[in-house]
Protein backbone atom coordinates (compact mmCIF):
# COMPACT_ATOMS: atom_id res chain seq x y z
CA MET A 1 147.51 5.57 -13.54
CA SER A 2 146.76 8.86 -11.90
CA ALA A 3 146.58 9.54 -8.18
CA THR A 4 143.09 9.04 -6.83
CA SER A 5 141.36 9.83 -3.57
CA LEU A 6 138.83 8.59 -1.12
CA SER A 7 135.53 10.38 -1.25
CA LEU A 8 136.96 12.92 1.22
CA ALA A 9 139.41 15.12 -0.73
CA ASN A 10 142.45 15.08 -2.99
CA PRO A 11 145.05 15.18 -1.52
CA ILE A 12 143.66 13.67 1.63
CA ILE A 13 144.35 15.69 4.76
CA ILE A 14 144.62 13.61 7.88
CA SER A 15 144.96 15.19 11.26
CA ILE A 16 146.98 12.97 13.54
CA ILE A 17 147.80 13.67 17.14
CA LEU A 18 151.28 12.39 17.93
CA LEU A 19 152.04 12.39 21.65
CA ASN A 20 155.55 12.87 23.00
CA ILE A 21 157.20 13.03 19.59
CA LEU A 22 160.23 15.29 19.27
CA THR A 23 159.91 16.16 22.99
CA VAL A 24 156.59 18.04 22.65
CA ASN A 25 153.03 17.10 21.81
CA LYS A 26 152.19 17.77 18.19
CA ASN A 27 148.94 18.13 16.30
CA LEU A 28 149.97 17.68 12.68
CA LYS A 29 148.07 17.87 9.44
CA ILE A 30 149.79 15.58 7.00
CA LYS A 31 149.00 15.35 3.30
CA ILE A 32 149.02 11.87 1.86
CA LYS A 33 148.69 10.74 -1.71
CA ILE A 34 147.07 7.51 -2.81
CA LYS A 35 147.25 5.76 -6.16
CA LYS A 36 145.63 2.61 -7.49
CA SER A 37 148.22 -0.04 -8.33
CA LEU A 38 148.14 -3.57 -9.67
CA GLU A 39 148.25 -4.95 -6.13
CA GLY A 40 145.67 -2.56 -4.61
CA TYR A 41 146.55 0.96 -3.49
CA ALA A 42 149.90 2.64 -2.90
CA VAL A 43 149.98 5.50 -0.41
CA TRP A 44 152.77 7.90 0.59
CA VAL A 45 153.58 11.13 2.39
CA PRO A 46 155.41 13.49 0.00
CA GLU A 47 156.86 15.55 2.88
CA LEU A 48 158.34 12.49 4.63
CA LYS A 49 160.97 10.92 2.39
CA GLY A 50 160.59 7.15 2.29
CA CYS A 51 157.29 7.10 4.18
CA TRP A 52 154.99 4.93 2.10
CA SER A 53 152.72 1.91 2.42
CA GLN A 54 150.04 0.02 0.56
CA GLY A 55 146.75 -1.78 1.08
CA LYS A 56 144.24 -3.99 -0.67
CA ASN A 57 141.74 -1.11 -0.69
CA GLU A 58 141.80 2.63 0.03
CA ILE A 59 140.78 2.28 3.68
CA GLU A 60 143.45 -0.33 4.42
CA ALA A 61 146.06 1.80 2.65
CA VAL A 62 145.18 4.84 4.79
CA GLU A 63 145.25 2.77 7.98
CA ASN A 64 148.67 1.41 6.99
CA ILE A 65 150.12 4.84 6.21
CA ILE A 66 148.99 6.11 9.61
CA ASP A 67 151.03 3.29 11.18
CA ALA A 68 153.96 4.13 8.89
CA ILE A 69 153.81 7.82 9.91
CA HIS A 70 153.94 6.88 13.59
CA LEU A 71 156.92 4.59 12.95
CA TYR A 72 158.63 7.29 10.90
CA PHE A 73 158.51 9.76 13.79
CA GLU A 74 159.44 7.13 16.40
CA THR A 75 162.53 6.27 14.34
CA PHE A 76 163.36 9.93 13.86
CA GLU A 77 163.18 10.48 17.62
CA GLU A 78 165.41 7.44 18.30
CA ILE A 79 168.03 8.73 15.85
CA GLN A 80 167.93 12.20 17.41
CA ASN A 81 168.43 10.74 20.89
CA SER A 82 171.33 8.45 19.97
């Protein structure tokens, strides 16, 4: 199966404001990729190794990857501070 997109763009560009991450406020544009799978939709961030999620539909998958991105950076910050 090939990577697909929402009706927005391919790859999808999501602008996410992450507050107090890596000691400064960031306004990041993060590319995500989404692909139909047997269970629904798989979604991942190519630039963030291991940052992936899934959902029953495209919207749920995007919502889940946004949560995963936040957790990715929170974990990164915790590792940097330890």
